[in-house]
Amino acid sequence: MLTTVIDSDEPIPLATVAKRTGLNRATAYRMLTTLVEAGYLSFDPDQPVYSPGPLTVRHLGGSRLESALRHRVLPLLNDLAEQSQETVSLMMATWPDLVCGAVVLSPHPVRRHRSVGDVSDMTNSGTGRAYLAFAPAADVDPLLTVRPLRPFASGTEYTRDMLLDRLADVRERGYATAVSETVEGMNGLVAPLFTQLNSRPVAVISVSGPDTRWSAAAMHSFAPVLLKGVADAGFGPAEPASPTAGEGNS
């Protein structure tokens, strides 16, 4: 069951899994649900389809689709890292989380540390907001039941209304920012990646670093560079945004 999903070139529906494994739909559904609950598979309720989950991505590197995506995005990651001098990460969607599929670390000794396989949920980070802003609105409340909101690392309260306001901001300008949210003193700028096969993002790119260098002003100034890089690499829609745009308290 697991390898059937991993070996697929694209997210796969229940009926196809059942056909390829020779199991009836009810049995296939129970087994797939168990794998989703254990973190080995991810389920997209909007499609609805199954894809490799965070544990699979962490240990096996994901599906052929994700491997192809990672290979295609690597030149962009390297280019953004060179221009920003900050840590640049490819975070792949494994609902209800994002998993780091590739990373280029900042050359500075004080930097945002991230490793392949690191997991970030879709509710408590800028990486999540860059993805969730372009998912169906009906997905938000079910997601909050499994990934409830937590106070930011800075101690600031994070509420559902704040999340919805920030998602609206992300949709308007095309990128998310985070200031001392998951790690105190660390900030992030994040843009979604789209493909023709998906109406929602397939992944996001995060550029993150310490607030002594990667301030809110620096992130908003770099945002047009990030969005243009995403668009030029064929992962739009992405349009240059105003450098003075803001998100929440960032």
Foldseek 3Di string as FASTA:
>chain_A
DLVVQQADLDFADLVVVCVVVVHDSVVSVVVVVVCCVVFQWAADVVVTGIFGGLVCCQPPVGHPNSVVVCVLCVVLQVVVCVVQLAKKFKWFDRPQKTFTNDIDHRPDPAHDDDDGSDIGGLQQDQQNLQQVLQRDPVVPVVSCVVVPYDAFQVRHDDDPVLSVQLSVLCVVQAWGKDARGHHHQKIKIKGFFADPVDSTGRIMMIGMTGCVRCPLLNNLVCQQVSQVSRVVSPRDPGHRGHSPRDGDPD
